[in-house]
Amino acid sequence: MDLVTLGSTGITVNKNGFGALPIQRISQEDAVYLARKAYKAGIRFFDTARAYTDSEVKLGEAFDGIRTEVYIATKTAAQNAEDFWKDLHTSLTNLRTDYIDLYQFHNPAFCPKPGDGSGLYEAMQEAKAKGMIRHIGITNHRLKVAHEAIDSGLYETLQFPFSYISGEQELELVNKCKAANMGFIAMKGLSGGLITNSAAAYAFEAQFDGVLPIWGVQRERELDEFLSYIDNPPRMTDDIRAVIEGDRAELCGEFCRGCGYCMPCPAGIEINNCARMSLLLRRSPSAEHLSPAGQAKMKKIEGCLHCNRCKAKCPYGLDTPALLARNYEDYKRVLAGEVKVQ
């Protein structure tokens, strides 16, 4: 079976990881079933976070009794040491365990370091010394913070968005982590659902040693797709290259990845979906997006305050209000029948 070692951590897991974010959106019973099915098929690395509502609770039930046979990564978005310890104790309780394999700072606006005044890294070191965590990682959407984390030598893994519509800047991070003997966990391998060919996504990620993609699934058929690749992994072929080049031509450039770090919106706009609605309409079934509920969500764009909070918080530097406006105009053309979609 295809294995990967996460840098200096010594964690050896299957080439596929399971991202727990989507399981917050499904029932406890379904989430536990999917996680256990993934485990039985050979998946051993499972990623979640304190911020993902009840996903830790669901994974805690799923792995009760087999805890030592899986690697669990979770995250804290704490800004100070006191909240760090609260998050860690809550995660341990939710996951029904007395240790976390990989504990990560969750998309911090800065790179926590000893002596920076936050107390965060010192708390992480203390937790590791006590055996409450085994390895220290960081996740981010900001290139500057990611580079600083690699350069610091303080982290064993970096989790960052990486898919075949990523650019040279993300590829630089992958190569830099490899050179530093640091594991790279690739999140958003399907770019928030905009990539619809899982075989192409898998074949792309498989080209890079030391990269562990975590595939977020919330339906059994989606899980089955990725499980089928364990023993029969897709390889980079001319056909897959053509798919990738076609998607790159359509998707690369200024588009919303749906990460949600611009939220919440003071005007109540669901930015992480509304700002990429044009792509969603063309790359997924459009009926739900065009329903009365979907129309009501898009209409909220009319109430945009142009406060630019979303623009200031976008890790990709997008002009989010302008992007919302363009998507809304396109949406109205689709509703009017002027543009055909799926």
C-alpha atoms as a PDB file:
ATOM      1  CA  MET A   1       0.000   0.000   0.000  1.00  0.00           C
ATOM      2  CA  ASP A   2       1.257   3.474  -0.830  1.00  0.00           C
ATOM      3  CA  LEU A   3       2.690   5.134   2.282  1.00  0.00           C
ATOM      4  CA  VAL A   4       4.090   8.539   3.135  1.00  0.00           C
ATOM      5  CA  THR A   5       6.128   9.755   6.097  1.00  0.00           C
ATOM      6  CA  LEU A   6       5.286  13.220   7.366  1.00  0.00           C
ATOM      7  CA  GLY A   7       8.706  14.802   7.524  1.00  0.00           C
ATOM      8  CA  SER A   8      10.541  14.590  10.823  1.00  0.00           C
ATOM      9  CA  THR A   9       7.457  13.472  12.714  1.00  0.00           C
ATOM     10  CA  GLY A  10       8.010   9.835  11.931  1.00  0.00           C
ATOM     11  CA  ILE A  11       4.260   9.457  11.334  1.00  0.00           C
ATOM     12  CA  THR A  12       3.810   6.953   8.536  1.00  0.00           C
ATOM     13  CA  VAL A  13       0.291   6.842   7.139  1.00  0.00           C
ATOM     14  CA  ASN A  14      -1.533   5.884   3.989  1.00  0.00           C
ATOM     15  CA  LYS A  15      -1.137   8.204   1.037  1.00  0.00           C
ATOM     16  CA  ASN A  16      -4.761   9.219   1.649  1.00  0.00           C
ATOM     17  CA  GLY A  17      -5.907  11.165   4.670  1.00  0.00           C
ATOM     18  CA  PHE A  18      -9.481  11.795   5.724  1.00  0.00           C
ATOM     19  CA  GLY A  19     -10.471  15.443   6.288  1.00  0.00           C
ATOM     20  CA  ALA A  20     -13.123  15.708   8.974  1.00  0.00           C
ATOM     21  CA  LEU A  21     -14.508  19.151   8.114  1.00  0.00           C
ATOM     22  CA  PRO A  22     -17.494  17.914   6.075  1.00  0.00           C
ATOM     23  CA  ILE A  23     -18.622  15.467   8.765  1.00  0.00           C
ATOM     24  CA  GLN A  24     -19.934  18.350  10.830  1.00  0.00           C
ATOM     25  CA  ARG A  25     -22.669  18.626   8.190  1.00  0.00           C
ATOM     26  CA  ILE A  26     -23.943  15.063   8.479  1.00  0.00           C
ATOM     27  CA  SER A  27     -25.519  13.055  11.268  1.00  0.00           C
ATOM     28  CA  GLN A  28     -23.528  11.438  14.052  1.00  0.00           C
ATOM     29  CA  GLU A  29     -24.507   7.977  12.818  1.00  0.00           C
ATOM     30  CA  ASP A  30     -23.466   8.671   9.218  1.00  0.00           C
ATOM     31  CA  ALA A  31     -20.213  10.349  10.245  1.00  0.00           C
ATOM     32  CA  VAL A  32     -19.205   7.456  12.493  1.00  0.00           C
ATOM     33  CA  TYR A  33     -20.069   4.980   9.736  1.00  0.00           C
ATOM     34  CA  LEU A  34     -17.950   6.812   7.143  1.00  0.00           C
ATOM     35  CA  ALA A  35     -14.968   7.230   9.459  1.00  0.00           C
ATOM     36  CA  ARG A  36     -15.006   3.563  10.449  1.00  0.00           C
ATOM     37  CA  LYS A  37     -15.370   2.481   6.831  1.00  0.00           C
ATOM     38  CA  ALA A  38     -12.355   4.619   5.918  1.00  0.00           C
ATOM     39  CA  TYR A  39     -10.371   3.017   8.747  1.00  0.00           C
ATOM     40  CA  LYS A  40     -11.322  -0.524   7.739  1.00  0.00           C
ATOM     41  CA  ALA A  41     -10.209   0.224   4.180  1.00  0.00           C
ATOM     42  CA  GLY A  42      -6.775   1.337   5.380  1.00  0.00           C
ATOM     43  CA  ILE A  43      -7.032   5.068   6.018  1.00  0.00           C
ATOM     44  CA  ARG A  44      -5.121   5.933   9.175  1.00  0.00           C
ATOM     45  CA  PHE A  45      -4.755   9.730   9.272  1.00  0.00           C
ATOM     46  CA  PHE A  46      -7.807  11.782  10.265  1.00  0.00           C
ATOM     47  CA  ASP A  47      -7.868  15.574  10.403  1.00  0.00           C
ATOM     48  CA  THR A  48     -10.344  17.692  12.358  1.00  0.00           C
ATOM     49  CA  ALA A  49     -10.391  20.926  14.419  1.00  0.00           C
ATOM     50  CA  ARG A  50     -11.852  22.460  17.530  1.00  0.00           C
ATOM     51  CA  ALA A  51     -13.622  24.966  15.244  1.00  0.00           C
ATOM     52  CA  TYR A  52     -15.424  22.287  13.206  1.00  0.00           C
ATOM     53  CA  THR A  53     -18.463  22.232  15.512  1.00  0.00           C
ATOM     54  CA  ASP A  54     -19.070  18.596  16.540  1.00  0.00           C
ATOM     55  CA  SER A  55     -16.661  16.770  14.221  1.00  0.00           C
ATOM     56  CA  GLU A  56     -14.293  15.918  17.088  1.00  0.00           C
ATOM     57  CA  VAL A  57     -17.172  14.283  18.967  1.00  0.00           C
ATOM     58  CA  LYS A  58     -18.045  12.206  15.909  1.00  0.00           C
ATOM     59  CA  LEU A  59     -14.473  11.039  15.426  1.00  0.00           C
ATOM     60  CA  GLY A  60     -14.192  10.322  19.133  1.00  0.00           C
ATOM     61  CA  GLU A  61     -17.053   7.857  18.879  1.00  0.00           C
ATOM     62  CA  ALA A  62     -15.776   6.405  15.620  1.00  0.00           C
ATOM     63  CA  PHE A  63     -12.375   5.508  17.066  1.00  0.00           C
ATOM     64  CA  ASP A  64     -13.385   4.536  20.567  1.00  0.00           C
ATOM     65  CA  GLY A  65     -11.558   1.280  21.233  1.00  0.00           C
ATOM     66  CA  ILE A  66      -9.108   1.581  18.322  1.00  0.00           C
ATOM     67  CA  ARG A  67      -7.476   4.879  19.273  1.00  0.00           C
ATOM     68  CA  THR A  68      -3.899   3.603  19.081  1.00  0.00           C
ATOM     69  CA  GLU A  69      -4.446   2.359  15.529  1.00  0.00           C
ATOM     70  CA  VAL A  70      -5.155   5.788  14.008  1.00  0.00           C
ATOM     71  CA  TYR A  71      -3.389   9.134  13.807  1.00  0.00           C
ATOM     72  CA  ILE A  72      -5.568  12.081  14.785  1.00  0.00           C
ATOM     73  CA  ALA A  73      -4.746  15.658  13.916  1.00  0.00           C
ATOM     74  CA  THR A  74      -6.770  18.504  15.373  1.00  0.00           C
ATOM     75  CA  LYS A  75      -6.312  22.246  15.717  1.00  0.00           C
ATOM     76  CA  THR A  76      -6.664  25.227  18.036  1.00  0.00           C
ATOM     77  CA  ALA A  77      -7.469  28.770  16.958  1.00  0.00           C
ATOM     78  CA  ALA A  78      -6.545  30.113  20.407  1.00  0.00           C
ATOM     79  CA  GLN A  79      -4.921  33.530  20.593  1.00  0.00           C
ATOM     80  CA  ASN A  80      -3.429  33.081  24.057  1.00  0.00           C
ATOM     81  CA  ALA A  81      -2.184  30.336  26.350  1.00  0.00           C
ATOM     82  CA  GLU A  82      -5.320  30.223  28.514  1.00  0.00           C
ATOM     83  CA  ASP A  83      -7.559  29.513  25.522  1.00  0.00           C
ATOM     84  CA  PHE A  84      -4.981  27.066  24.172  1.00  0.00           C
ATOM     85  CA  TRP A  85      -5.340  24.878  27.263  1.00  0.00           C
ATOM     86  CA  LYS A  86      -9.137  25.128  27.169  1.00  0.00           C
ATOM     87  CA  ASP A  87      -9.169  24.001  23.544  1.00  0.00           C
ATOM     88  CA  LEU A  88      -6.741  21.159  24.153  1.00  0.00           C
ATOM     89  CA  HIS A  89      -8.683  19.752  27.116  1.00  0.00           C
ATOM     90  CA  THR A  90     -11.954  20.030  25.174  1.00  0.00           C
ATOM     91  CA  SER A  91     -10.449  18.244  22.177  1.00  0.00           C
ATOM     92  CA  LEU A  92      -9.083  15.441  24.351  1.00  0.00           C
ATOM     93  CA  THR A  93     -12.512  14.964  25.924  1.00  0.00           C
ATOM     94  CA  ASN A  94     -14.350  15.085  22.599  1.00  0.00           C
ATOM     95  CA  LEU A  95     -11.940  12.656  20.941  1.00  0.00           C
ATOM     96  CA  ARG A  96     -12.046  10.264  23.927  1.00  0.00           C
ATOM     97  CA  THR A  97      -8.265  10.187  24.167  1.00  0.00           C
ATOM     98  CA  ASP A  98      -5.423  11.320  26.404  1.00  0.00           C
ATOM     99  CA  TYR A  99      -3.161  12.478  23.576  1.00  0.00           C
ATOM    100  CA  ILE A 100      -3.296  14.141  20.149  1.00  0.00           C
ATOM    101  CA  ASP A 101      -0.928  12.819  17.502  1.00  0.00           C
ATOM    102  CA  LEU A 102      -0.603  16.142  15.671  1.00  0.00           C
ATOM    103  CA  TYR A 103      -1.763  19.397  17.250  1.00  0.00           C
ATOM    104  CA  GLN A 104      -1.849  22.379  14.924  1.00  0.00           C
ATOM    105  CA  PHE A 105      -2.271  26.121  15.245  1.00  0.00           C
ATOM    106  CA  HIS A 106      -5.343  26.829  13.120  1.00  0.00           C
ATOM    107  CA  ASN A 107      -4.675  29.505  10.491  1.00  0.00           C
ATOM    108  CA  PRO A 108      -3.070  32.080  12.810  1.00  0.00           C
ATOM    109  CA  ALA A 109      -2.472  35.583  11.446  1.00  0.00           C
ATOM    110  CA  PHE A 110       1.120  35.295  12.690  1.00  0.00           C
ATOM    111  CA  CYS A 111       3.587  32.480  13.200  1.00  0.00           C
ATOM    112  CA  PRO A 112       3.647  31.571  16.916  1.00  0.00           C
ATOM    113  CA  LYS A 113       7.187  31.437  18.284  1.00  0.00           C
ATOM    114  CA  PRO A 114       8.788  31.292  21.728  1.00  0.00           C
ATOM    115  CA  GLY A 115       9.027  34.727  23.281  1.00  0.00           C
ATOM    116  CA  ASP A 116       6.490  36.429  20.991  1.00  0.00           C
ATOM    117  CA  GLY A 117       4.317  37.406  23.966  1.00  0.00           C
ATOM    118  CA  SER A 118       1.336  35.218  23.088  1.00  0.00           C
ATOM    119  CA  GLY A 119       2.497  32.237  25.134  1.00  0.00           C
ATOM    120  CA  LEU A 120       1.109  29.939  22.449  1.00  0.00           C
ATOM    121  CA  TYR A 121       4.245  28.123  21.407  1.00  0.00           C
ATOM    122  CA  GLU A 122       5.376  27.750  25.005  1.00  0.00           C
ATOM    123  CA  ALA A 123       2.011  26.142  25.793  1.00  0.00           C
ATOM    124  CA  MET A 124       2.446  23.816  22.804  1.00  0.00           C
ATOM    125  CA  GLN A 125       5.899  22.799  24.075  1.00  0.00           C
ATOM    126  CA  GLU A 126       4.562  22.162  27.570  1.00  0.00           C
ATOM    127  CA  ALA A 127       1.700  20.054  26.220  1.00  0.00           C
ATOM    128  CA  LYS A 128       4.197  17.981  24.248  1.00  0.00           C
ATOM    129  CA  ALA A 129       6.466  17.555  27.281  1.00  0.00           C
ATOM    130  CA  LYS A 130       3.453  16.283  29.242  1.00  0.00           C
ATOM    131  CA  GLY A 131       2.598  13.752  26.534  1.00  0.00           C
ATOM    132  CA  MET A 132      -0.720  15.420  25.727  1.00  0.00           C
ATOM    133  CA  ILE A 133       0.388  16.002  22.151  1.00  0.00           C
ATOM    134  CA  ARG A 134       3.057  14.217  20.147  1.00  0.00           C
ATOM    135  CA  HIS A 135       3.834  16.516  17.236  1.00  0.00           C
ATOM    136  CA  ILE A 136       3.485  20.236  16.517  1.00  0.00           C
ATOM    137  CA  GLY A 137       2.048  21.624  13.287  1.00  0.00           C
ATOM    138  CA  ILE A 138       0.525  24.737  11.797  1.00  0.00           C
ATOM    139  CA  THR A 139      -2.154  25.380   9.177  1.00  0.00           C
ATOM    140  CA  ASN A 140      -2.504  28.515   7.136  1.00  0.00           C
ATOM    141  CA  HIS A 141      -3.836  30.285   4.058  1.00  0.00           C
ATOM    142  CA  ARG A 142      -1.206  33.039   4.103  1.00  0.00           C
ATOM    143  CA  LEU A 143       2.011  32.545   2.161  1.00  0.00           C
ATOM    144  CA  LYS A 144       3.971  34.863   4.452  1.00  0.00           C
ATOM    145  CA  VAL A 145       3.034  32.935   7.601  1.00  0.00           C
ATOM    146  CA  ALA A 146       3.659  29.607   5.875  1.00  0.00           C
ATOM    147  CA  HIS A 147       7.168  30.617   4.832  1.00  0.00           C
ATOM    148  CA  GLU A 148       7.898  31.934   8.306  1.00  0.00           C
ATOM    149  CA  ALA A 149       6.772  28.649   9.835  1.00  0.00           C
ATOM    150  CA  ILE A 150       9.065  26.637   7.562  1.00  0.00           C
ATOM    151  CA  ASP A 151      12.004  28.978   8.132  1.00  0.00           C
ATOM    152  CA  SER A 152      11.542  28.899  11.905  1.00  0.00           C
ATOM    153  CA  GLY A 153      12.318  25.191  12.220  1.00  0.00           C
ATOM    154  CA  LEU A 154       9.697  25.024  14.988  1.00  0.00           C
ATOM    155  CA  TYR A 155       7.074  22.985  13.170  1.00  0.00           C
ATOM    156  CA  GLU A 156       6.931  19.403  12.007  1.00  0.00           C
ATOM    157  CA  THR A 157       4.107  19.882   9.506  1.00  0.00           C
ATOM    158  CA  LEU A 158       2.495  22.616   7.443  1.00  0.00           C
ATOM    159  CA  GLN A 159      -1.093  22.277   6.266  1.00  0.00           C
ATOM    160  CA  PHE A 160      -1.865  24.537   3.301  1.00  0.00           C
ATOM    161  CA  PRO A 161      -4.275  24.554   0.320  1.00  0.00           C
ATOM    162  CA  PHE A 162      -2.731  22.678  -2.606  1.00  0.00           C
ATOM    163  CA  SER A 163      -4.462  21.414  -5.720  1.00  0.00           C
ATOM    164  CA  TYR A 164      -3.805  21.352  -9.428  1.00  0.00           C
ATOM    165  CA  ILE A 165      -5.173  24.863  -9.784  1.00  0.00           C
ATOM    166  CA  SER A 166      -2.653  26.156  -7.256  1.00  0.00           C
ATOM    167  CA  GLY A 167       0.175  28.321  -8.528  1.00  0.00           C
ATOM    168  CA  GLU A 168       3.946  28.345  -8.394  1.00  0.00           C
ATOM    169  CA  GLN A 169       3.839  29.983  -4.950  1.00  0.00           C
ATOM    170  CA  GLU A 170       2.144  26.958  -3.408  1.00  0.00           C
ATOM    171  CA  LEU A 171       4.489  24.584  -5.219  1.00  0.00           C
ATOM    172  CA  GLU A 172       7.385  26.518  -3.723  1.00  0.00           C
ATOM    173  CA  LEU A 173       6.010  25.746  -0.257  1.00  0.00           C
ATOM    174  CA  VAL A 174       5.814  22.033  -1.089  1.00  0.00           C
ATOM    175  CA  ASN A 175       9.425  21.957  -2.241  1.00  0.00           C
ATOM    176  CA  LYS A 176      10.596  24.080   0.671  1.00  0.00           C
ATOM    177  CA  CYS A 177       8.945  21.731   3.183  1.00  0.00           C
ATOM    178  CA  LYS A 178      10.595  18.739   1.538  1.00  0.00           C
ATOM    179  CA  ALA A 179      14.000  20.414   1.730  1.00  0.00           C
ATOM    180  CA  ALA A 180      13.385  21.173   5.423  1.00  0.00           C
ATOM    181  CA  ASN A 181      12.272  17.577   6.143  1.00  0.00           C
ATOM    182  CA  MET A 182       8.876  18.977   7.107  1.00  0.00           C
ATOM    183  CA  GLY A 183       5.608  17.248   6.283  1.00  0.00           C
ATOM    184  CA  PHE A 184       3.150  18.980   3.943  1.00  0.00           C
ATOM    185  CA  ILE A 185      -0.558  18.271   4.436  1.00  0.00           C
ATOM    186  CA  ALA A 186      -2.527  19.308   1.361  1.00  0.00           C
ATOM    187  CA  MET A 187      -5.971  20.648   2.193  1.00  0.00           C
ATOM    188  CA  LYS A 188      -8.576  21.620  -0.380  1.00  0.00           C
ATOM    189  CA  GLY A 189      -7.271  19.151  -2.932  1.00  0.00           C
ATOM    190  CA  LEU A 190     -10.608  19.578  -4.713  1.00  0.00           C
ATOM    191  CA  SER A 191     -10.470  23.364  -4.288  1.00  0.00           C
ATOM    192  CA  GLY A 192     -13.629  23.561  -2.233  1.00  0.00           C
ATOM    193  CA  GLY A 193     -15.613  21.437  -4.683  1.00  0.00           C
ATOM    194  CA  LEU A 194     -14.662  23.324  -7.842  1.00  0.00           C
ATOM    195  CA  ILE A 195     -12.520  20.398  -9.013  1.00  0.00           C
ATOM    196  CA  THR A 196     -14.929  17.627  -9.959  1.00  0.00           C
ATOM    197  CA  ASN A 197     -12.537  14.983 -11.290  1.00  0.00           C
ATOM    198  CA  SER A 198     -11.233  13.151  -8.233  1.00  0.00           C
ATOM    199  CA  ALA A 199      -8.944  10.906 -10.279  1.00  0.00           C
ATOM    200  CA  ALA A 200      -7.184  13.935 -11.745  1.00  0.00           C
ATOM    201  CA  ALA A 201      -6.911  15.503  -8.288  1.00  0.00           C
ATOM    202  CA  TYR A 202      -5.455  12.300  -6.869  1.00  0.00           C
ATOM    203  CA  ALA A 203      -2.985  11.814  -9.715  1.00  0.00           C
ATOM    204  CA  PHE A 204      -1.745  15.379  -9.314  1.00  0.00           C
ATOM    205  CA  GLU A 205      -1.138  15.094  -5.558  1.00  0.00           C
ATOM    206  CA  ALA A 206       0.522  11.682  -5.950  1.00  0.00           C
ATOM    207  CA  GLN A 207       3.359  13.268  -7.938  1.00  0.00           C
ATOM    208  CA  PHE A 208       4.810  14.888  -4.819  1.00  0.00           C
ATOM    209  CA  ASP A 209       6.793  12.990  -2.203  1.00  0.00           C
ATOM    210  CA  GLY A 210       6.054  14.087   1.342  1.00  0.00           C
ATOM    211  CA  VAL A 211       2.633  15.514   0.470  1.00  0.00           C
ATOM    212  CA  LEU A 212      -0.340  14.005   2.282  1.00  0.00           C
ATOM    213  CA  PRO A 213      -3.694  15.050   0.768  1.00  0.00           C
ATOM    214  CA  ILE A 214      -6.695  14.989   3.086  1.00  0.00           C
ATOM    215  CA  TRP A 215      -9.864  14.363   1.127  1.00  0.00           C
ATOM    216  CA  GLY A 216     -13.000  15.770   2.710  1.00  0.00           C
ATOM    217  CA  VAL A 217     -16.025  13.556   2.098  1.00  0.00           C
ATOM    218  CA  GLN A 218     -19.596  13.633   3.338  1.00  0.00           C
ATOM    219  CA  ARG A 219     -21.215  10.948   1.172  1.00  0.00           C
ATOM    220  CA  GLU A 220     -20.404   7.267   0.982  1.00  0.00           C
ATOM    221  CA  ARG A 221     -20.017   7.337  -2.804  1.00  0.00           C
ATOM    222  CA  GLU A 222     -17.380  10.071  -2.433  1.00  0.00           C
ATOM    223  CA  LEU A 223     -15.483   7.996   0.108  1.00  0.00           C
ATOM    224  CA  ASP A 224     -15.735   4.930  -2.119  1.00  0.00           C
ATOM    225  CA  GLU A 225     -14.102   6.864  -4.970  1.00  0.00           C
ATOM    226  CA  PHE A 226     -11.016   7.613  -2.905  1.00  0.00           C
ATOM    227  CA  LEU A 227     -10.891   4.184  -1.305  1.00  0.00           C
ATOM    228  CA  SER A 228     -10.847   2.638  -4.773  1.00  0.00           C
ATOM    229  CA  TYR A 229      -7.658   4.570  -5.502  1.00  0.00           C
ATOM    230  CA  ILE A 230      -5.687   2.954  -2.670  1.00  0.00           C
ATOM    231  CA  ASP A 231      -5.009  -0.248  -4.581  1.00  0.00           C
ATOM    232  CA  ASN A 232      -5.538   1.221  -8.059  1.00  0.00           C
ATOM    233  CA  PRO A 233      -4.126   4.752  -7.873  1.00  0.00           C
ATOM    234  CA  PRO A 234      -4.754   7.026 -10.871  1.00  0.00           C
ATOM    235  CA  ARG A 235      -1.560   7.922 -12.709  1.00  0.00           C
ATOM    236  CA  MET A 236      -0.763  11.061 -14.636  1.00  0.00           C
ATOM    237  CA  THR A 237      -1.775  10.326 -18.235  1.00  0.00           C
ATOM    238  CA  ASP A 238      -2.363  12.451 -21.314  1.00  0.00           C
ATOM    239  CA  ASP A 239      -6.114  12.306 -20.663  1.00  0.00           C
ATOM    240  CA  ILE A 240      -5.710  13.493 -17.075  1.00  0.00           C
ATOM    241  CA  ARG A 241      -3.303  16.206 -18.157  1.00  0.00           C
ATOM    242  CA  ALA A 242      -5.959  17.437 -20.590  1.00  0.00           C
ATOM    243  CA  VAL A 243      -8.531  17.569 -17.777  1.00  0.00           C
ATOM    244  CA  ILE A 244      -6.124  19.514 -15.574  1.00  0.00           C
ATOM    245  CA  GLU A 245      -5.214  21.983 -18.308  1.00  0.00           C
ATOM    246  CA  GLY A 246      -8.893  22.570 -19.064  1.00  0.00           C
ATOM    247  CA  ASP A 247      -9.688  23.235 -15.431  1.00  0.00           C
ATOM    248  CA  ARG A 248      -6.679  25.496 -15.035  1.00  0.00           C
ATOM    249  CA  ALA A 249      -7.787  27.568 -18.016  1.00  0.00           C
ATOM    250  CA  GLU A 250     -11.230  28.025 -16.430  1.00  0.00           C
ATOM    251  CA  LEU A 251     -10.371  28.321 -12.758  1.00  0.00           C
ATOM    252  CA  CYS A 252      -6.939  29.856 -12.345  1.00  0.00           C
ATOM    253  CA  GLY A 253      -6.889  33.549 -11.520  1.00  0.00           C
ATOM    254  CA  GLU A 254      -9.252  35.630  -9.408  1.00  0.00           C
ATOM    255  CA  PHE A 255     -11.839  33.311  -7.933  1.00  0.00           C
ATOM    256  CA  CYS A 256     -13.120  32.578  -4.446  1.00  0.00           C
ATOM    257  CA  ARG A 257     -11.807  29.313  -2.973  1.00  0.00           C
ATOM    258  CA  GLY A 258     -14.649  29.192  -0.437  1.00  0.00           C
ATOM    259  CA  CYS A 259     -12.330  29.030   2.585  1.00  0.00           C
ATOM    260  CA  GLY A 260     -14.704  31.185   4.653  1.00  0.00           C
ATOM    261  CA  TYR A 261     -12.073  33.272   6.426  1.00  0.00           C
ATOM    262  CA  CYS A 262     -13.914  36.426   5.309  1.00  0.00           C
ATOM    263  CA  MET A 263     -16.917  35.415   7.400  1.00  0.00           C
ATOM    264  CA  PRO A 264     -19.075  36.452   9.142  1.00  0.00           C
ATOM    265  CA  CYS A 265     -20.427  39.245   6.972  1.00  0.00           C
ATOM    266  CA  PRO A 266     -22.096  42.144   8.829  1.00  0.00           C
ATOM    267  CA  ALA A 267     -24.730  42.260   6.073  1.00  0.00           C
ATOM    268  CA  GLY A 268     -25.446  38.532   6.434  1.00  0.00           C
ATOM    269  CA  ILE A 269     -24.082  37.599   3.004  1.00  0.00           C
ATOM    270  CA  GLU A 270     -22.896  33.983   2.687  1.00  0.00           C
ATOM    271  CA  ILE A 271     -19.718  35.206   1.014  1.00  0.00           C
ATOM    272  CA  ASN A 272     -17.892  31.883   0.752  1.00  0.00           C
ATOM    273  CA  ASN A 273     -20.585  30.550  -1.595  1.00  0.00           C
ATOM    274  CA  CYS A 274     -22.041  33.706  -3.143  1.00  0.00           C
ATOM    275  CA  ALA A 275     -18.638  34.969  -4.294  1.00  0.00           C
ATOM    276  CA  ARG A 276     -18.077  31.808  -6.337  1.00  0.00           C
ATOM    277  CA  MET A 277     -21.633  31.213  -7.489  1.00  0.00           C
ATOM    278  CA  SER A 278     -20.823  31.558 -11.193  1.00  0.00           C
ATOM    279  CA  LEU A 279     -18.437  28.606 -10.934  1.00  0.00           C
ATOM    280  CA  LEU A 280     -20.760  26.566  -8.726  1.00  0.00           C
ATOM    281  CA  LEU A 281     -23.595  26.950 -11.226  1.00  0.00           C
ATOM    282  CA  ARG A 282     -21.406  25.611 -13.998  1.00  0.00           C
ATOM    283  CA  ARG A 283     -19.581  22.860 -12.125  1.00  0.00           C
ATOM    284  CA  SER A 284     -22.310  21.335  -9.961  1.00  0.00           C
ATOM    285  CA  PRO A 285     -26.082  20.744 -10.200  1.00  0.00           C
ATOM    286  CA  SER A 286     -27.683  24.191 -10.244  1.00  0.00           C
ATOM    287  CA  ALA A 287     -31.200  23.413  -8.986  1.00  0.00           C
ATOM    288  CA  GLU A 288     -30.434  24.027  -5.309  1.00  0.00           C
ATOM    289  CA  HIS A 289     -28.479  27.197  -6.071  1.00  0.00           C
ATOM    290  CA  LEU A 290     -31.389  28.553  -8.132  1.00  0.00           C
ATOM    291  CA  SER A 291     -34.094  27.591  -5.617  1.00  0.00           C
ATOM    292  CA  PRO A 292     -36.050  30.266  -3.712  1.00  0.00           C
ATOM    293  CA  ALA A 293     -33.669  29.779  -0.768  1.00  0.00           C
ATOM    294  CA  GLY A 294     -30.666  30.158  -3.065  1.00  0.00           C
ATOM    295  CA  GLN A 295     -32.143  33.288  -4.616  1.00  0.00           C
ATOM    296  CA  ALA A 296     -32.716  34.778  -1.170  1.00  0.00           C
ATOM    297  CA  LYS A 297     -29.063  34.207  -0.277  1.00  0.00           C
ATOM    298  CA  MET A 298     -27.842  35.872  -3.457  1.00  0.00           C
ATOM    299  CA  LYS A 299     -30.238  38.811  -3.075  1.00  0.00           C
ATOM    300  CA  LYS A 300     -28.481  39.729   0.174  1.00  0.00           C
ATOM    301  CA  ILE A 301     -25.599  40.942  -1.984  1.00  0.00           C
ATOM    302  CA  GLU A 302     -27.770  43.982  -2.708  1.00  0.00           C
ATOM    303  CA  GLY A 303     -27.322  44.925   0.944  1.00  0.00           C
ATOM    304  CA  CYS A 304     -23.495  44.867   0.814  1.00  0.00           C
ATOM    305  CA  LEU A 305     -22.203  47.628   3.085  1.00  0.00           C
ATOM    306  CA  HIS A 306     -18.936  47.964   1.156  1.00  0.00           C
ATOM    307  CA  CYS A 307     -17.201  47.977   4.535  1.00  0.00           C
ATOM    308  CA  ASN A 308     -14.352  45.977   2.950  1.00  0.00           C
ATOM    309  CA  ARG A 309     -13.968  43.749   6.020  1.00  0.00           C
ATOM    310  CA  CYS A 310     -14.143  40.692   3.783  1.00  0.00           C
ATOM    311  CA  LYS A 311     -11.539  42.152   1.454  1.00  0.00           C
ATOM    312  CA  ALA A 312      -9.192  42.861   4.355  1.00  0.00           C
ATOM    313  CA  LYS A 313      -9.535  39.305   5.698  1.00  0.00           C
ATOM    314  CA  CYS A 314      -9.187  37.430   2.380  1.00  0.00           C
ATOM    315  CA  PRO A 315      -5.934  35.419   2.508  1.00  0.00           C
ATOM    316  CA  TYR A 316      -5.809  35.490  -1.298  1.00  0.00           C
ATOM    317  CA  GLY A 317      -6.069  39.268  -1.607  1.00  0.00           C
ATOM    318  CA  LEU A 318      -9.336  39.239  -3.558  1.00  0.00           C
ATOM    319  CA  ASP A 319     -11.513  42.306  -4.063  1.00  0.00           C
ATOM    320  CA  THR A 320     -14.415  40.436  -2.512  1.00  0.00           C
ATOM    321  CA  PRO A 321     -17.149  43.126  -2.848  1.00  0.00           C
ATOM    322  CA  ALA A 322     -16.386  43.440  -6.578  1.00  0.00           C
ATOM    323  CA  LEU A 323     -16.358  39.640  -6.905  1.00  0.00           C
ATOM    324  CA  LEU A 324     -19.745  39.421  -5.192  1.00  0.00           C
ATOM    325  CA  ALA A 325     -21.177  42.036  -7.540  1.00  0.00           C
ATOM    326  CA  ARG A 326     -19.948  40.193 -10.640  1.00  0.00           C
ATOM    327  CA  ASN A 327     -21.320  36.884  -9.420  1.00  0.00           C
ATOM    328  CA  TYR A 328     -24.690  38.467  -8.651  1.00  0.00           C
ATOM    329  CA  GLU A 329     -24.989  39.969 -12.116  1.00  0.00           C
ATOM    330  CA  ASP A 330     -24.161  36.608 -13.675  1.00  0.00           C
ATOM    331  CA  TYR A 331     -26.653  34.899 -11.360  1.00  0.00           C
ATOM    332  CA  LYS A 332     -29.445  37.205 -12.502  1.00  0.00           C
ATOM    333  CA  ARG A 333     -28.636  36.425 -16.135  1.00  0.00           C
ATOM    334  CA  VAL A 334     -28.862  32.711 -15.364  1.00  0.00           C
ATOM    335  CA  LEU A 335     -32.215  33.199 -13.629  1.00  0.00           C
ATOM    336  CA  ALA A 336     -33.487  35.136 -16.635  1.00  0.00           C
ATOM    337  CA  GLY A 337     -32.556  32.274 -18.928  1.00  0.00           C
ATOM    338  CA  GLU A 338     -29.935  34.314 -20.743  1.00  0.00           C
ATOM    339  CA  VAL A 339     -27.188  31.860 -19.709  1.00  0.00           C
ATOM    340  CA  LYS A 340     -27.534  28.083 -19.645  1.00  0.00           C
ATOM    341  CA  VAL A 341     -26.060  26.036 -16.781  1.00  0.00           C
ATOM    342  CA  GLN A 342     -26.257  22.445 -15.525  1.00  0.00           C
END
